[in-house]
Every structure is written in C-alpha cells, then in structure tokens.
Amino acid sequence: MMALNFRAGKHKKMLMERRKKCTVRLGDVSGTFPEGSVVWITAGQEGEPKEKLYTAYLDKVRVKTMGTLSTIDLENQNPDISTREALITDFEHIYNRRISPEDTVTVIYFTEVVAPL
C-alpha cells in the first residue's frame, strides 16, 4: 500500500477535520501516485513513525505549473490559502528554496474510503 504523507501539523489538523481534499506536490509525481490508486493518508515527520489517518482514493491527478493552479485547487489544498502567491510563500518555507510560478507541481485530489455500514 502506498502512503501520501503530510509532515506539517496544520495539514494533519485539516485532514482530520476533512477540510483538506487535495495536495499540491512539487514536481511531477503523477507516476508515483496514479489516478485511481488507493493510498493511506498518513502524518509524520521524515525519519519518524507515521500515523495512519485514513485510507483514500486518488480521484484526480493533474500536472500543472504553480502559476496555473485554480482557485478550486488552492481552496482544496489549504482553505486558509487563497492566492498562488501565498501558496508559493508557504512552499518556499516547506521546501526551503525559491519557488516560481513556472515550477511544475502535481495536484492530487483524494476522498476517504469508508467501510460499508
């Protein structure tokens, strides 16, 4: 089983509240996370134990540039970030490097897989 891991505590909180419905990852990771896959949504720092939050289905995987992210992409990535510029600033903090609107990103939309009643 593949895992889609989130390191930031703010993302874990949004995932637990089901407010985060997609993730934007730097680079083209569409080969690693193909559309239609089932993955574990996990939280934890690199090199530390991960906490499985839930299982999810990858509904849509799109490769874009940072500058072409839609408002819907931004809202589903992080409801607290409403502009591409704010997301670029957030990514520069996360990746500790300069990010430009021309940088390639992968937008991964996911939904929780629930057990039947």
C-alpha atoms as a PDB file:
ATOM      1  CA  MET A   1       0.000   0.000   0.000  1.00  0.00           C
ATOM      2  CA  MET A   2       1.275   3.471  -0.891  1.00  0.00           C
ATOM      3  CA  ALA A   3       1.118   6.350   1.540  1.00  0.00           C
ATOM      4  CA  LEU A   4       0.504  10.017   0.908  1.00  0.00           C
ATOM      5  CA  ASN A   5       2.293  11.556   3.879  1.00  0.00           C
ATOM      6  CA  PHE A   6       1.851  15.018   5.371  1.00  0.00           C
ATOM      7  CA  ARG A   7       4.543  16.483   7.626  1.00  0.00           C
ATOM      8  CA  ALA A   8       3.006  19.781   8.720  1.00  0.00           C
ATOM      9  CA  GLY A   9       0.857  19.741  11.831  1.00  0.00           C
ATOM     10  CA  LYS A  10      -1.553  22.217  10.222  1.00  0.00           C
ATOM     11  CA  HIS A  11      -2.163  19.723   7.407  1.00  0.00           C
ATOM     12  CA  LYS A  12      -2.813  16.881   9.844  1.00  0.00           C
ATOM     13  CA  LYS A  13      -5.450  19.001  11.574  1.00  0.00           C
ATOM     14  CA  MET A  14      -7.137  19.855   8.247  1.00  0.00           C
ATOM     15  CA  LEU A  15      -7.041  16.190   7.209  1.00  0.00           C
ATOM     16  CA  MET A  16      -8.587  15.053  10.477  1.00  0.00           C
ATOM     17  CA  GLU A  17     -11.350  17.666  10.039  1.00  0.00           C
ATOM     18  CA  ARG A  18     -11.746  16.541   6.365  1.00  0.00           C
ATOM     19  CA  ARG A  19     -11.142  20.143   5.230  1.00  0.00           C
ATOM     20  CA  LYS A  20      -8.169  19.189   3.036  1.00  0.00           C
ATOM     21  CA  LYS A  21      -9.291  17.418  -0.131  1.00  0.00           C
ATOM     22  CA  CYS A  22      -6.195  17.656  -2.267  1.00  0.00           C
ATOM     23  CA  THR A  23      -2.475  18.118  -2.028  1.00  0.00           C
ATOM     24  CA  VAL A  24      -0.114  20.038  -4.266  1.00  0.00           C
ATOM     25  CA  ARG A  25       3.287  18.378  -4.520  1.00  0.00           C
ATOM     26  CA  LEU A  26       6.361  19.987  -6.052  1.00  0.00           C
ATOM     27  CA  GLY A  27       7.448  18.302  -9.281  1.00  0.00           C
ATOM     28  CA  ASP A  28       5.751  15.646 -11.402  1.00  0.00           C
ATOM     29  CA  VAL A  29       4.841  12.811  -9.022  1.00  0.00           C
ATOM     30  CA  SER A  30       1.980  11.509 -11.175  1.00  0.00           C
ATOM     31  CA  GLY A  31       3.920   8.290 -11.816  1.00  0.00           C
ATOM     32  CA  THR A  32       4.241   7.671  -8.085  1.00  0.00           C
ATOM     33  CA  PHE A  33       0.594   8.498  -7.314  1.00  0.00           C
ATOM     34  CA  PRO A  34      -1.501   7.393 -10.316  1.00  0.00           C
ATOM     35  CA  GLU A  35      -5.143   8.378 -10.558  1.00  0.00           C
ATOM     36  CA  GLY A  36      -7.414   5.598  -9.288  1.00  0.00           C
ATOM     37  CA  SER A  37      -4.951   4.365  -6.670  1.00  0.00           C
ATOM     38  CA  VAL A  38      -5.898   3.623  -3.082  1.00  0.00           C
ATOM     39  CA  VAL A  39      -3.441   5.052  -0.531  1.00  0.00           C
ATOM     40  CA  TRP A  40      -3.036   5.564   3.168  1.00  0.00           C
ATOM     41  CA  ILE A  41      -3.206   9.184   4.264  1.00  0.00           C
ATOM     42  CA  THR A  42      -0.500   9.479   6.921  1.00  0.00           C
ATOM     43  CA  ALA A  43       1.065  12.183   9.066  1.00  0.00           C
ATOM     44  CA  GLY A  44       4.569  12.339  10.466  1.00  0.00           C
ATOM     45  CA  GLN A  45       7.997  13.836  10.095  1.00  0.00           C
ATOM     46  CA  GLU A  46      10.679  12.344   7.875  1.00  0.00           C
ATOM     47  CA  GLY A  47      12.507   9.514   9.644  1.00  0.00           C
ATOM     48  CA  GLU A  48       9.884   9.250  12.391  1.00  0.00           C
ATOM     49  CA  PRO A  49       6.911   6.896  12.835  1.00  0.00           C
ATOM     50  CA  LYS A  50       3.874   7.823  10.742  1.00  0.00           C
ATOM     51  CA  GLU A  51       0.281   7.880  11.950  1.00  0.00           C
ATOM     52  CA  LYS A  52      -2.289   6.416   9.560  1.00  0.00           C
ATOM     53  CA  LEU A  53      -5.225   8.826   9.465  1.00  0.00           C
ATOM     54  CA  TYR A  54      -7.420   7.053   6.912  1.00  0.00           C
ATOM     55  CA  THR A  55      -7.487   5.300   3.542  1.00  0.00           C
ATOM     56  CA  ALA A  56      -8.219   7.384   0.453  1.00  0.00           C
ATOM     57  CA  TYR A  57      -8.934   7.007  -3.249  1.00  0.00           C
ATOM     58  CA  LEU A  58      -6.996   9.259  -5.662  1.00  0.00           C
ATOM     59  CA  ASP A  59      -9.780  10.791  -7.729  1.00  0.00           C
ATOM     60  CA  LYS A  60      -7.798  13.134  -9.930  1.00  0.00           C
ATOM     61  CA  VAL A  61      -4.060  13.644 -10.505  1.00  0.00           C
ATOM     62  CA  ARG A  62      -3.007  16.598 -12.679  1.00  0.00           C
ATOM     63  CA  VAL A  63       0.417  18.001 -13.532  1.00  0.00           C
ATOM     64  CA  LYS A  64       0.427  21.806 -13.805  1.00  0.00           C
ATOM     65  CA  THR A  65       2.652  24.745 -13.084  1.00  0.00           C
ATOM     66  CA  MET A  66       2.375  26.644  -9.829  1.00  0.00           C
ATOM     67  CA  GLY A  67       1.125  29.655 -11.823  1.00  0.00           C
ATOM     68  CA  THR A  68      -1.797  27.733 -13.348  1.00  0.00           C
ATOM     69  CA  LEU A  69      -3.300  26.424 -10.107  1.00  0.00           C
ATOM     70  CA  SER A  70      -7.001  27.231  -9.966  1.00  0.00           C
ATOM     71  CA  THR A  71      -8.906  28.804  -7.099  1.00  0.00           C
ATOM     72  CA  ILE A  72     -10.510  25.398  -6.506  1.00  0.00           C
ATOM     73  CA  ASP A  73      -7.044  23.782  -6.296  1.00  0.00           C
ATOM     74  CA  LEU A  74      -5.965  26.373  -3.733  1.00  0.00           C
ATOM     75  CA  GLU A  75      -9.150  26.040  -1.634  1.00  0.00           C
ATOM     76  CA  ASN A  76      -8.909  22.247  -1.515  1.00  0.00           C
ATOM     77  CA  GLN A  77      -5.154  22.273  -0.805  1.00  0.00           C
ATOM     78  CA  ASN A  78      -5.500  24.618   2.156  1.00  0.00           C
ATOM     79  CA  PRO A  79      -8.693  26.588   2.871  1.00  0.00           C
ATOM     80  CA  ASP A  80      -6.551  29.200   4.645  1.00  0.00           C
ATOM     81  CA  ILE A  81      -4.554  29.992   1.472  1.00  0.00           C
ATOM     82  CA  SER A  82      -6.447  31.865  -1.234  1.00  0.00           C
ATOM     83  CA  THR A  83      -3.731  33.055  -3.646  1.00  0.00           C
ATOM     84  CA  ARG A  84      -0.969  31.402  -5.650  1.00  0.00           C
ATOM     85  CA  GLU A  85       1.470  33.887  -4.131  1.00  0.00           C
ATOM     86  CA  ALA A  86       0.557  32.771  -0.608  1.00  0.00           C
ATOM     87  CA  LEU A  87       0.983  29.113  -1.615  1.00  0.00           C
ATOM     88  CA  ILE A  88       4.378  29.910  -3.166  1.00  0.00           C
ATOM     89  CA  THR A  89       5.445  31.556   0.105  1.00  0.00           C
ATOM     90  CA  ASP A  90       4.209  28.510   2.056  1.00  0.00           C
ATOM     91  CA  PHE A  91       6.083  26.141  -0.298  1.00  0.00           C
ATOM     92  CA  GLU A  92       9.286  28.203  -0.022  1.00  0.00           C
ATOM     93  CA  HIS A  93       9.101  27.680   3.744  1.00  0.00           C
ATOM     94  CA  ILE A  94       8.342  23.933   3.401  1.00  0.00           C
ATOM     95  CA  TYR A  95      10.929  23.171   0.699  1.00  0.00           C
ATOM     96  CA  ASN A  96      13.477  25.745   1.912  1.00  0.00           C
ATOM     97  CA  ARG A  97      14.126  27.022  -1.619  1.00  0.00           C
ATOM     98  CA  ARG A  98      12.840  29.597  -4.073  1.00  0.00           C
ATOM     99  CA  ILE A  99       9.632  28.589  -5.886  1.00  0.00           C
ATOM    100  CA  SER A 100       8.426  30.288  -9.077  1.00  0.00           C
ATOM    101  CA  PRO A 101       5.083  30.287 -10.916  1.00  0.00           C
ATOM    102  CA  GLU A 102       6.789  28.204 -13.639  1.00  0.00           C
ATOM    103  CA  ASP A 103       7.679  25.349 -11.274  1.00  0.00           C
ATOM    104  CA  THR A 104       5.942  22.058 -12.059  1.00  0.00           C
ATOM    105  CA  VAL A 105       3.540  20.734  -9.438  1.00  0.00           C
ATOM    106  CA  THR A 106       1.214  17.748  -9.180  1.00  0.00           C
ATOM    107  CA  VAL A 107      -2.303  18.321  -7.864  1.00  0.00           C
ATOM    108  CA  ILE A 108      -3.726  15.184  -6.216  1.00  0.00           C
ATOM    109  CA  TYR A 109      -7.414  15.117  -5.293  1.00  0.00           C
ATOM    110  CA  PHE A 110      -8.465  12.377  -2.870  1.00  0.00           C
ATOM    111  CA  THR A 111     -11.532  11.158  -0.999  1.00  0.00           C
ATOM    112  CA  GLU A 112     -11.746   8.984   2.063  1.00  0.00           C
ATOM    113  CA  VAL A 113     -12.632   5.322   1.588  1.00  0.00           C
ATOM    114  CA  VAL A 114     -15.225   4.361   4.183  1.00  0.00           C
ATOM    115  CA  ALA A 115     -16.357   0.900   5.260  1.00  0.00           C
ATOM    116  CA  PRO A 116     -19.962  -0.063   4.496  1.00  0.00           C
ATOM    117  CA  LEU A 117     -22.431   0.203   7.370  1.00  0.00           C
END
